[in-house]
PDB file of N, CA and C in Angstrom:
ATOM      1  N   MET A   1       6.288  18.801  28.591  1.00  0.00           N
ATOM      2  CA  MET A   1       6.430  17.843  27.521  1.00  0.00           C
ATOM      3  C   MET A   1       5.390  16.739  27.705  1.00  0.00           C
ATOM      4  N   THR A   2       4.715  16.426  26.635  1.00  0.00           N
ATOM      5  CA  THR A   2       3.707  15.376  26.636  1.00  0.00           C
ATOM      6  C   THR A   2       4.363  14.029  26.364  1.00  0.00           C
ATOM      7  N   LYS A   3       3.883  13.004  27.042  1.00  0.00           N
ATOM      8  CA  LYS A   3       4.384  11.644  26.842  1.00  0.00           C
ATOM      9  C   LYS A   3       3.286  10.855  26.136  1.00  0.00           C
ATOM     10  N   ILE A   4       3.585  10.379  24.926  1.00  0.00           N
ATOM     11  CA  ILE A   4       2.586   9.708  24.088  1.00  0.00           C
ATOM     12  C   ILE A   4       3.056   8.297  23.756  1.00  0.00           C
ATOM     13  N   LEU A   5       2.153   7.341  23.903  1.00  0.00           N
ATOM     14  CA  LEU A   5       2.369   5.979  23.430  1.00  0.00           C
ATOM     15  C   LEU A   5       1.433   5.764  22.253  1.00  0.00           C
ATOM     16  N   SER A   6       1.979   5.713  21.058  1.00  0.00           N
ATOM     17  CA  SER A   6       1.185   5.458  19.852  1.00  0.00           C
ATOM     18  C   SER A   6       1.138   3.959  19.613  1.00  0.00           C
ATOM     19  N   ILE A   7      -0.061   3.402  19.663  1.00  0.00           N
ATOM     20  CA  ILE A   7      -0.249   1.985  19.406  1.00  0.00           C
ATOM     21  C   ILE A   7      -0.849   1.862  18.012  1.00  0.00           C
ATOM     22  N   ILE A   8      -0.067   1.314  17.110  1.00  0.00           N
ATOM     23  CA  ILE A   8      -0.505   1.164  15.721  1.00  0.00           C
ATOM     24  C   ILE A   8      -0.885  -0.295  15.528  1.00  0.00           C
ATOM     25  N   SER A   9      -2.181  -0.533  15.308  1.00  0.00           N
ATOM     26  CA  SER A   9      -2.645  -1.911  15.203  1.00  0.00           C
ATOM     27  C   SER A   9      -3.370  -2.216  13.896  1.00  0.00           C
ATOM     28  N   SER A  10      -3.735  -1.204  13.153  1.00  0.00           N
ATOM     29  CA  SER A  10      -4.478  -1.425  11.916  1.00  0.00           C
ATOM     30  C   SER A  10      -3.621  -2.114  10.865  1.00  0.00           C
ATOM     31  N   ARG A  11      -4.233  -2.917  10.065  1.00  0.00           N
ATOM     32  CA  ARG A  11      -3.530  -3.549   8.936  1.00  0.00           C
ATOM     33  C   ARG A  11      -3.517  -2.616   7.721  1.00  0.00           C
ATOM     34  N   GLU A  12      -4.433  -1.636   7.701  1.00  0.00           N
ATOM     35  CA  GLU A  12      -4.548  -0.732   6.554  1.00  0.00           C
ATOM     36  C   GLU A  12      -3.332   0.175   6.456  1.00  0.00           C
ATOM     37  N   LYS A  13      -2.704   0.153   5.301  1.00  0.00           N
ATOM     38  CA  LYS A  13      -1.473   0.919   5.085  1.00  0.00           C
ATOM     39  C   LYS A  13      -1.676   2.403   5.396  1.00  0.00           C
ATOM     40  N   GLU A  14      -2.822   2.973   5.012  1.00  0.00           N
ATOM     41  CA  GLU A  14      -3.084   4.392   5.234  1.00  0.00           C
ATOM     42  C   GLU A  14      -3.118   4.732   6.720  1.00  0.00           C
ATOM     43  N   LYS A  15      -3.727   3.873   7.523  1.00  0.00           N
ATOM     44  CA  LYS A  15      -3.791   4.108   8.965  1.00  0.00           C
ATOM     45  C   LYS A  15      -2.426   3.914   9.616  1.00  0.00           C
ATOM     46  N   VAL A  16      -1.672   2.956   9.133  1.00  0.00           N
ATOM     47  CA  VAL A  16      -0.312   2.752   9.646  1.00  0.00           C
ATOM     48  C   VAL A  16       0.528   3.986   9.337  1.00  0.00           C
ATOM     49  N   ASN A  17       0.446   4.483   8.104  1.00  0.00           N
ATOM     50  CA  ASN A  17       1.176   5.700   7.727  1.00  0.00           C
ATOM     51  C   ASN A  17       0.765   6.887   8.588  1.00  0.00           C
ATOM     52  N   LEU A  18      -0.524   7.013   8.867  1.00  0.00           N
ATOM     53  CA  LEU A  18      -1.020   8.099   9.711  1.00  0.00           C
ATOM     54  C   LEU A  18      -0.402   8.013  11.104  1.00  0.00           C
ATOM     55  N   GLY A  19      -0.377   6.824  11.679  1.00  0.00           N
ATOM     56  CA  GLY A  19       0.211   6.647  13.006  1.00  0.00           C
ATOM     57  C   GLY A  19       1.694   6.981  13.033  1.00  0.00           C
ATOM     58  N   ILE A  20       2.405   6.554  12.014  1.00  0.00           N
ATOM     59  CA  ILE A  20       3.841   6.848  11.933  1.00  0.00           C
ATOM     60  C   ILE A  20       4.061   8.350  11.767  1.00  0.00           C
ATOM     61  N   SER A  21       3.323   8.964  10.862  1.00  0.00           N
ATOM     62  CA  SER A  21       3.492  10.400  10.600  1.00  0.00           C
ATOM     63  C   SER A  21       3.142  11.244  11.816  1.00  0.00           C
ATOM     64  N   PHE A  22       2.028  10.931  12.456  1.00  0.00           N
ATOM     65  CA  PHE A  22       1.625  11.666  13.659  1.00  0.00           C
ATOM     66  C   PHE A  22       2.714  11.564  14.723  1.00  0.00           C
ATOM     67  N   SER A  23       3.156  10.348  14.969  1.00  0.00           N
ATOM     68  CA  SER A  23       4.151  10.108  16.018  1.00  0.00           C
ATOM     69  C   SER A  23       5.465  10.803  15.706  1.00  0.00           C
ATOM     70  N   SER A  24       5.868  10.755  14.465  1.00  0.00           N
ATOM     71  CA  SER A  24       7.110  11.409  14.050  1.00  0.00           C
ATOM     72  C   SER A  24       7.022  12.926  14.234  1.00  0.00           C
ATOM     73  N   ARG A  25       5.900  13.509  13.832  1.00  0.00           N
ATOM     74  CA  ARG A  25       5.729  14.963  13.982  1.00  0.00           C
ATOM     75  C   ARG A  25       5.695  15.369  15.455  1.00  0.00           C
ATOM     76  N   ARG A  26       5.060  14.581  16.296  1.00  0.00           N
ATOM     77  CA  ARG A  26       5.020  14.906  17.724  1.00  0.00           C
ATOM     78  C   ARG A  26       6.424  14.804  18.318  1.00  0.00           C
ATOM     79  N   ARG A  27       7.180  13.822  17.901  1.00  0.00           N
ATOM     80  CA  ARG A  27       8.552  13.680  18.389  1.00  0.00           C
ATOM     81  C   ARG A  27       9.394  14.869  17.920  1.00  0.00           C
ATOM     82  N   GLN A  28       9.246  15.273  16.667  1.00  0.00           N
ATOM     83  CA  GLN A  28       9.988  16.423  16.138  1.00  0.00           C
ATOM     84  C   GLN A  28       9.614  17.706  16.871  1.00  0.00           C
ATOM     85  N   ALA A  29       8.399  17.769  17.388  1.00  0.00           N
ATOM     86  CA  ALA A  29       7.946  18.940  18.139  1.00  0.00           C
ATOM     87  C   ALA A  29       8.462  18.929  19.579  1.00  0.00           C
ATOM     88  N   GLY A  30       9.218  17.898  19.934  1.00  0.00           N
ATOM     89  CA  GLY A  30       9.840  17.866  21.250  1.00  0.00           C
ATOM     90  C   GLY A  30       9.143  17.007  22.282  1.00  0.00           C
ATOM     91  N   HIS A  31       8.114  16.287  21.886  1.00  0.00           N
ATOM     92  CA  HIS A  31       7.401  15.428  22.832  1.00  0.00           C
ATOM     93  C   HIS A  31       8.079  14.069  22.941  1.00  0.00           C
ATOM     94  N   ASP A  32       7.841  13.400  24.045  1.00  0.00           N
ATOM     95  CA  ASP A  32       8.380  12.069  24.289  1.00  0.00           C
ATOM     96  C   ASP A  32       7.382  11.062  23.725  1.00  0.00           C
ATOM     97  N   VAL A  33       7.768  10.396  22.641  1.00  0.00           N
ATOM     98  CA  VAL A  33       6.845   9.512  21.927  1.00  0.00           C
ATOM     99  C   VAL A  33       7.437   8.110  21.826  1.00  0.00           C
ATOM    100  N   ARG A  34       6.621   7.140  22.207  1.00  0.00           N
ATOM    101  CA  ARG A  34       6.944   5.729  21.988  1.00  0.00           C
ATOM    102  C   ARG A  34       5.946   5.186  20.973  1.00  0.00           C
ATOM    103  N   VAL A  35       6.409   4.274  20.136  1.00  0.00           N
ATOM    104  CA  VAL A  35       5.551   3.679  19.111  1.00  0.00           C
ATOM    105  C   VAL A  35       5.576   2.170  19.259  1.00  0.00           C
ATOM    106  N   LEU A  36       4.380   1.579  19.272  1.00  0.00           N
ATOM    107  CA  LEU A  36       4.237   0.128  19.363  1.00  0.00           C
ATOM    108  C   LEU A  36       3.367  -0.363  18.217  1.00  0.00           C
ATOM    109  N   PHE A  37       3.922  -1.232  17.383  1.00  0.00           N
ATOM    110  CA  PHE A  37       3.137  -1.935  16.367  1.00  0.00           C
ATOM    111  C   PHE A  37       2.600  -3.180  17.041  1.00  0.00           C
ATOM    112  N   PHE A  38       1.297  -3.407  16.884  1.00  0.00           N
ATOM    113  CA  PHE A  38       0.653  -4.482  17.622  1.00  0.00           C
ATOM    114  C   PHE A  38      -0.394  -5.142  16.742  1.00  0.00           C
ATOM    115  N   GLY A  39      -0.300  -6.446  16.587  1.00  0.00           N
ATOM    116  CA  GLY A  39      -1.301  -7.178  15.820  1.00  0.00           C
ATOM    117  C   GLY A  39      -1.112  -7.034  14.317  1.00  0.00           C
ATOM    118  N   PRO A  40      -2.210  -6.766  13.594  1.00  0.00           N
ATOM    119  CA  PRO A  40      -2.181  -6.741  12.135  1.00  0.00           C
ATOM    120  C   PRO A  40      -1.165  -5.763  11.534  1.00  0.00           C
ATOM    121  N   SER A  41      -0.862  -4.687  12.228  1.00  0.00           N
ATOM    122  CA  SER A  41       0.110  -3.724  11.693  1.00  0.00           C
ATOM    123  C   SER A  41       1.497  -4.338  11.550  1.00  0.00           C
ATOM    124  N   GLU A  42       1.792  -5.337  12.352  1.00  0.00           N
ATOM    125  CA  GLU A  42       3.085  -6.006  12.260  1.00  0.00           C
ATOM    126  C   GLU A  42       3.203  -6.756  10.937  1.00  0.00           C
ATOM    127  N   ILE A  43       2.111  -7.335  10.507  1.00  0.00           N
ATOM    128  CA  ILE A  43       2.094  -8.033   9.219  1.00  0.00           C
ATOM    129  C   ILE A  43       2.266  -7.023   8.088  1.00  0.00           C
ATOM    130  N   THR A  44       1.595  -5.879   8.213  1.00  0.00           N
ATOM    131  CA  THR A  44       1.742  -4.832   7.206  1.00  0.00           C
ATOM    132  C   THR A  44       3.200  -4.409   7.092  1.00  0.00           C
ATOM    133  N   MET A  45       3.858  -4.211   8.217  1.00  0.00           N
ATOM    134  CA  MET A  45       5.262  -3.810   8.184  1.00  0.00           C
ATOM    135  C   MET A  45       6.129  -4.906   7.564  1.00  0.00           C
ATOM    136  N   ALA A  46       5.877  -6.145   7.914  1.00  0.00           N
ATOM    137  CA  ALA A  46       6.681  -7.246   7.391  1.00  0.00           C
ATOM    138  C   ALA A  46       6.532  -7.390   5.878  1.00  0.00           C
ATOM    139  N   GLU A  47       5.345  -7.054   5.360  1.00  0.00           N
ATOM    140  CA  GLU A  47       5.064  -7.227   3.932  1.00  0.00           C
ATOM    141  C   GLU A  47       5.343  -5.984   3.102  1.00  0.00           C
ATOM    142  N   ASN A  48       5.560  -4.839   3.743  1.00  0.00           N
ATOM    143  CA  ASN A  48       5.652  -3.585   3.003  1.00  0.00           C
ATOM    144  C   ASN A  48       6.958  -2.864   3.329  1.00  0.00           C
ATOM    145  N   ASP A  49       7.877  -2.858   2.389  1.00  0.00           N
ATOM    146  CA  ASP A  49       9.179  -2.225   2.609  1.00  0.00           C
ATOM    147  C   ASP A  49       9.068  -0.721   2.820  1.00  0.00           C
ATOM    148  N   ASP A  50       8.074  -0.072   2.197  1.00  0.00           N
ATOM    149  CA  ASP A  50       7.902   1.375   2.374  1.00  0.00           C
ATOM    150  C   ASP A  50       7.558   1.713   3.820  1.00  0.00           C
ATOM    151  N   ILE A  51       6.696   0.926   4.432  1.00  0.00           N
ATOM    152  CA  ILE A  51       6.328   1.133   5.838  1.00  0.00           C
ATOM    153  C   ILE A  51       7.551   0.924   6.729  1.00  0.00           C
ATOM    154  N   ALA A  52       8.292  -0.129   6.470  1.00  0.00           N
ATOM    155  CA  ALA A  52       9.488  -0.421   7.269  1.00  0.00           C
ATOM    156  C   ALA A  52      10.512   0.708   7.129  1.00  0.00           C
ATOM    157  N   LYS A  53      10.693   1.207   5.920  1.00  0.00           N
ATOM    158  CA  LYS A  53      11.656   2.288   5.680  1.00  0.00           C
ATOM    159  C   LYS A  53      11.218   3.567   6.380  1.00  0.00           C
ATOM    160  N   LEU A  54       9.936   3.921   6.252  1.00  0.00           N
ATOM    161  CA  LEU A  54       9.409   5.116   6.910  1.00  0.00           C
ATOM    162  C   LEU A  54       9.580   5.016   8.427  1.00  0.00           C
ATOM    163  N   THR A  55       9.335   3.847   8.969  1.00  0.00           N
ATOM    164  CA  THR A  55       9.480   3.640  10.408  1.00  0.00           C
ATOM    165  C   THR A  55      10.926   3.817  10.847  1.00  0.00           C
ATOM    166  N   SER A  56      11.846   3.192  10.137  1.00  0.00           N
ATOM    167  CA  SER A  56      13.255   3.304  10.540  1.00  0.00           C
ATOM    168  C   SER A  56      13.778   4.723  10.367  1.00  0.00           C
ATOM    169  N   GLU A  57      13.327   5.429   9.342  1.00  0.00           N
ATOM    170  CA  GLU A  57      13.743   6.824   9.149  1.00  0.00           C
ATOM    171  C   GLU A  57      13.141   7.731  10.219  1.00  0.00           C
ATOM    172  N   SER A  58      11.903   7.492  10.578  1.00  0.00           N
ATOM    173  CA  SER A  58      11.201   8.345  11.536  1.00  0.00           C
ATOM    174  C   SER A  58      11.650   8.115  12.974  1.00  0.00           C
ATOM    175  N   PHE A  59      12.095   6.902  13.262  1.00  0.00           N
ATOM    176  CA  PHE A  59      12.432   6.553  14.641  1.00  0.00           C
ATOM    177  C   PHE A  59      13.814   5.924  14.728  1.00  0.00           C
ATOM    178  N   SER A  60      14.776   6.563  14.095  1.00  0.00           N
ATOM    179  CA  SER A  60      16.126   6.014  14.067  1.00  0.00           C
ATOM    180  C   SER A  60      16.797   6.077  15.441  1.00  0.00           C
ATOM    181  N   GLU A  61      16.521   7.118  16.210  1.00  0.00           N
ATOM    182  CA  GLU A  61      17.160   7.259  17.527  1.00  0.00           C
ATOM    183  C   GLU A  61      16.547   6.315  18.551  1.00  0.00           C
ATOM    184  N   ASN A  62      15.245   6.315  18.647  1.00  0.00           N
ATOM    185  CA  ASN A  62      14.523   5.418  19.556  1.00  0.00           C
ATOM    186  C   ASN A  62      13.648   4.518  18.703  1.00  0.00           C
ATOM    187  N   LYS A  63      14.114   3.311  18.499  1.00  0.00           N
ATOM    188  CA  LYS A  63      13.403   2.371  17.634  1.00  0.00           C
ATOM    189  C   LYS A  63      11.964   2.167  18.093  1.00  0.00           C
ATOM    190  N   ALA A  64      11.097   1.974  17.116  1.00  0.00           N
ATOM    191  CA  ALA A  64       9.728   1.571  17.414  1.00  0.00           C
ATOM    192  C   ALA A  64       9.771   0.133  17.938  1.00  0.00           C
ATOM    193  N   ALA A  65       8.692  -0.281  18.582  1.00  0.00           N
ATOM    194  CA  ALA A  65       8.595  -1.629  19.126  1.00  0.00           C
ATOM    195  C   ALA A  65       7.457  -2.385  18.450  1.00  0.00           C
ATOM    196  N   ALA A  66       7.490  -3.696  18.564  1.00  0.00           N
ATOM    197  CA  ALA A  66       6.416  -4.551  18.073  1.00  0.00           C
ATOM    198  C   ALA A  66       6.301  -5.748  19.002  1.00  0.00           C
ATOM    199  N   CYS A  67       5.127  -6.339  19.031  1.00  0.00           N
ATOM    200  CA  CYS A  67       4.871  -7.469  19.924  1.00  0.00           C
ATOM    201  C   CYS A  67       5.563  -8.730  19.419  1.00  0.00           C
ATOM    202  N   ILE A  68       6.405  -9.282  20.256  1.00  0.00           N
ATOM    203  CA  ILE A  68       7.144 -10.484  19.881  1.00  0.00           C
ATOM    204  C   ILE A  68       6.214 -11.686  19.711  1.00  0.00           C
ATOM    205  N   PHE A  69       5.167 -11.786  20.516  1.00  0.00           N
ATOM    206  CA  PHE A  69       4.272 -12.938  20.436  1.00  0.00           C
ATOM    207  C   PHE A  69       3.482 -12.934  19.128  1.00  0.00           C
ATOM    208  N   VAL A  70       3.027 -11.767  18.698  1.00  0.00           N
ATOM    209  CA  VAL A  70       2.333 -11.662  17.412  1.00  0.00           C
ATOM    210  C   VAL A  70       3.297 -12.046  16.296  1.00  0.00           C
ATOM    211  N   ALA A  71       4.514 -11.521  16.363  1.00  0.00           N
ATOM    212  CA  ALA A  71       5.514 -11.808  15.338  1.00  0.00           C
ATOM    213  C   ALA A  71       5.813 -13.313  15.262  1.00  0.00           C
ATOM    214  N   GLN A  72       5.929 -13.952  16.407  1.00  0.00           N
ATOM    215  CA  GLN A  72       6.202 -15.392  16.415  1.00  0.00           C
ATOM    216  C   GLN A  72       5.024 -16.182  15.867  1.00  0.00           C
ATOM    217  N   ASN A  73       3.810 -15.829  16.290  1.00  0.00           N
ATOM    218  CA  ASN A  73       2.616 -16.548  15.831  1.00  0.00           C
ATOM    219  C   ASN A  73       2.392 -16.383  14.330  1.00  0.00           C
ATOM    220  N   ALA A  74       2.706 -15.206  13.803  1.00  0.00           N
ATOM    221  CA  ALA A  74       2.525 -14.939  12.369  1.00  0.00           C
ATOM    222  C   ALA A  74       3.744 -15.375  11.556  1.00  0.00           C
ATOM    223  N   LYS A  75       4.761 -15.873  12.254  1.00  0.00           N
ATOM    224  CA  LYS A  75       5.999 -16.326  11.612  1.00  0.00           C
ATOM    225  C   LYS A  75       6.676 -15.211  10.808  1.00  0.00           C
ATOM    226  N   ILE A  76       6.720 -14.012  11.418  1.00  0.00           N
ATOM    227  CA  ILE A  76       7.357 -12.856  10.774  1.00  0.00           C
ATOM    228  C   ILE A  76       8.464 -12.267  11.650  1.00  0.00           C
ATOM    229  N   GLU A  77       8.841 -12.997  12.679  1.00  0.00           N
ATOM    230  CA  GLU A  77       9.856 -12.503  13.616  1.00  0.00           C
ATOM    231  C   GLU A  77      11.156 -12.150  12.890  1.00  0.00           C
ATOM    232  N   GLU A  78      11.599 -12.998  11.972  1.00  0.00           N
ATOM    233  CA  GLU A  78      12.847 -12.747  11.239  1.00  0.00           C
ATOM    234  C   GLU A  78      12.752 -11.473  10.397  1.00  0.00           C
ATOM    235  N   LYS A  79      11.591 -11.221   9.819  1.00  0.00           N
ATOM    236  CA  LYS A  79      11.411 -10.033   8.985  1.00  0.00           C
ATOM    237  C   LYS A  79      11.394  -8.751   9.812  1.00  0.00           C
ATOM    238  N   LEU A  80      10.982  -8.847  11.068  1.00  0.00           N
ATOM    239  CA  LEU A  80      10.827  -7.650  11.905  1.00  0.00           C
ATOM    240  C   LEU A  80      12.016  -7.355  12.807  1.00  0.00           C
ATOM    241  N   LYS A  81      12.804  -8.358  13.142  1.00  0.00           N
ATOM    242  CA  LYS A  81      13.802  -8.201  14.201  1.00  0.00           C
ATOM    243  C   LYS A  81      14.823  -7.099  13.945  1.00  0.00           C
ATOM    244  N   ASP A  82      15.111  -6.773  12.694  1.00  0.00           N
ATOM    245  CA  ASP A  82      16.059  -5.694  12.399  1.00  0.00           C
ATOM    246  C   ASP A  82      15.367  -4.350  12.209  1.00  0.00           C
ATOM    247  N   LYS A  83      14.038  -4.354  12.142  1.00  0.00           N
ATOM    248  CA  LYS A  83      13.277  -3.133  11.859  1.00  0.00           C
ATOM    249  C   LYS A  83      12.744  -2.463  13.124  1.00  0.00           C
ATOM    250  N   VAL A  84      12.424  -3.285  14.123  1.00  0.00           N
ATOM    251  CA  VAL A  84      11.843  -2.788  15.374  1.00  0.00           C
ATOM    252  C   VAL A  84      12.393  -3.603  16.541  1.00  0.00           C
ATOM    253  N   ASP A  85      12.189  -3.076  17.750  1.00  0.00           N
ATOM    254  CA  ASP A  85      12.500  -3.863  18.944  1.00  0.00           C
ATOM    255  C   ASP A  85      11.316  -4.774  19.222  1.00  0.00           C
ATOM    256  N   LEU A  86      11.560  -6.050  19.357  1.00  0.00           N
ATOM    257  CA  LEU A  86      10.489  -6.996  19.663  1.00  0.00           C
ATOM    258  C   LEU A  86      10.348  -7.104  21.175  1.00  0.00           C
ATOM    259  N   VAL A  87       9.150  -6.798  21.662  1.00  0.00           N
ATOM    260  CA  VAL A  87       8.883  -6.723  23.096  1.00  0.00           C
ATOM    261  C   VAL A  87       7.596  -7.469  23.435  1.00  0.00           C
ATOM    262  N   LYS A  88       7.399  -7.711  24.714  1.00  0.00           N
ATOM    263  CA  LYS A  88       6.125  -8.247  25.192  1.00  0.00           C
ATOM    264  C   LYS A  88       5.177  -7.058  25.290  1.00  0.00           C
ATOM    265  N   ALA A  89       4.204  -6.993  24.402  1.00  0.00           N
ATOM    266  CA  ALA A  89       3.361  -5.806  24.276  1.00  0.00           C
ATOM    267  C   ALA A  89       2.622  -5.457  25.561  1.00  0.00           C
ATOM    268  N   GLY A  90       2.085  -6.444  26.239  1.00  0.00           N
ATOM    269  CA  GLY A  90       1.349  -6.160  27.471  1.00  0.00           C
ATOM    270  C   GLY A  90       2.215  -5.462  28.500  1.00  0.00           C
ATOM    271  N   GLU A  91       3.420  -5.963  28.686  1.00  0.00           N
ATOM    272  CA  GLU A  91       4.338  -5.341  29.639  1.00  0.00           C
ATOM    273  C   GLU A  91       4.764  -3.945  29.166  1.00  0.00           C
ATOM    274  N   TYR A  92       4.991  -3.806  27.874  1.00  0.00           N
ATOM    275  CA  TYR A  92       5.417  -2.520  27.305  1.00  0.00           C
ATOM    276  C   TYR A  92       4.335  -1.451  27.496  1.00  0.00           C
ATOM    277  N   ILE A  93       3.096  -1.833  27.230  1.00  0.00           N
ATOM    278  CA  ILE A  93       1.982  -0.888  27.389  1.00  0.00           C
ATOM    279  C   ILE A  93       1.806  -0.527  28.857  1.00  0.00           C
ATOM    280  N   THR A  94       1.789  -1.520  29.726  1.00  0.00           N
ATOM    281  CA  THR A  94       1.600  -1.276  31.157  1.00  0.00           C
ATOM    282  C   THR A  94       2.707  -0.399  31.724  1.00  0.00           C
ATOM    283  N   LYS A  95       3.942  -0.706  31.373  1.00  0.00           N
ATOM    284  CA  LYS A  95       5.073   0.088  31.855  1.00  0.00           C
ATOM    285  C   LYS A  95       4.977   1.530  31.357  1.00  0.00           C
ATOM    286  N   SER A  96       4.610   1.698  30.103  1.00  0.00           N
ATOM    287  CA  SER A  96       4.484   3.051  29.551  1.00  0.00           C
ATOM    288  C   SER A  96       3.416   3.848  30.284  1.00  0.00           C
ATOM    289  N   ILE A  97       2.296   3.235  30.547  1.00  0.00           N
ATOM    290  CA  ILE A  97       1.216   3.925  31.277  1.00  0.00           C
ATOM    291  C   ILE A  97       1.675   4.250  32.693  1.00  0.00           C
ATOM    292  N   ASP A  98       2.346   3.304  33.342  1.00  0.00           N
ATOM    293  CA  ASP A  98       2.884   3.548  34.684  1.00  0.00           C
ATOM    294  C   ASP A  98       3.863   4.722  34.690  1.00  0.00           C
ATOM    295  N   GLU A  99       4.567   4.915  33.582  1.00  0.00           N
ATOM    296  CA  GLU A  99       5.544   6.000  33.470  1.00  0.00           C
ATOM    297  C   GLU A  99       4.921   7.312  32.991  1.00  0.00           C
ATOM    298  N   GLY A 100       3.587   7.334  32.881  1.00  0.00           N
ATOM    299  CA  GLY A 100       2.904   8.591  32.559  1.00  0.00           C
ATOM    300  C   GLY A 100       2.593   8.826  31.092  1.00  0.00           C
ATOM    301  N   TYR A 101       2.748   7.822  30.255  1.00  0.00           N
ATOM    302  CA  TYR A 101       2.416   7.979  28.835  1.00  0.00           C
ATOM    303  C   TYR A 101       0.909   7.842  28.649  1.00  0.00           C
ATOM    304  N   THR A 102       0.384   8.637  27.737  1.00  0.00           N
ATOM    305  CA  THR A 102      -1.009   8.540  27.340  1.00  0.00           C
ATOM    306  C   THR A 102      -1.054   7.799  26.008  1.00  0.00           C
ATOM    307  N   SER A 103      -1.926   6.804  25.914  1.00  0.00           N
ATOM    308  CA  SER A 103      -1.956   6.006  24.681  1.00  0.00           C
ATOM    309  C   SER A 103      -2.951   6.584  23.684  1.00  0.00           C
ATOM    310  N   ILE A 104      -2.579   6.436  22.421  1.00  0.00           N
ATOM    311  CA  ILE A 104      -3.431   6.796  21.301  1.00  0.00           C
ATOM    312  C   ILE A 104      -3.304   5.654  20.304  1.00  0.00           C
ATOM    313  N   SER A 105      -4.407   5.272  19.685  1.00  0.00           N
ATOM    314  CA  SER A 105      -4.391   4.113  18.794  1.00  0.00           C
ATOM    315  C   SER A 105      -4.707   4.497  17.361  1.00  0.00           C
ATOM    316  N   PHE A 106      -4.053   3.799  16.458  1.00  0.00           N
ATOM    317  CA  PHE A 106      -4.302   3.976  15.030  1.00  0.00           C
ATOM    318  C   PHE A 106      -4.616   2.631  14.415  1.00  0.00           C
TER     319      PHE A 106
END
């Protein structure tokens, strides 16, 4: 089983959708997939209900994560807190790599 950390950072809706779809398909194929929204993608999720819905549907069992510091700085923490787990991105990425996850970015 492959361990994948998908880091979605693009603000572009198409790239965010690609990251979500790729990650969802890999998870459905039986791989261990973690998803982290980081930076501009967090704003896209906060502003776009379709992205938020796709994320919650795709990762209902293991919620996707997003950087709490970005959310606080952009003043979107309230919009994201029910959609994703808010985490310290640096620690989340480092821990995932330490646990054998390979990162891929969108």
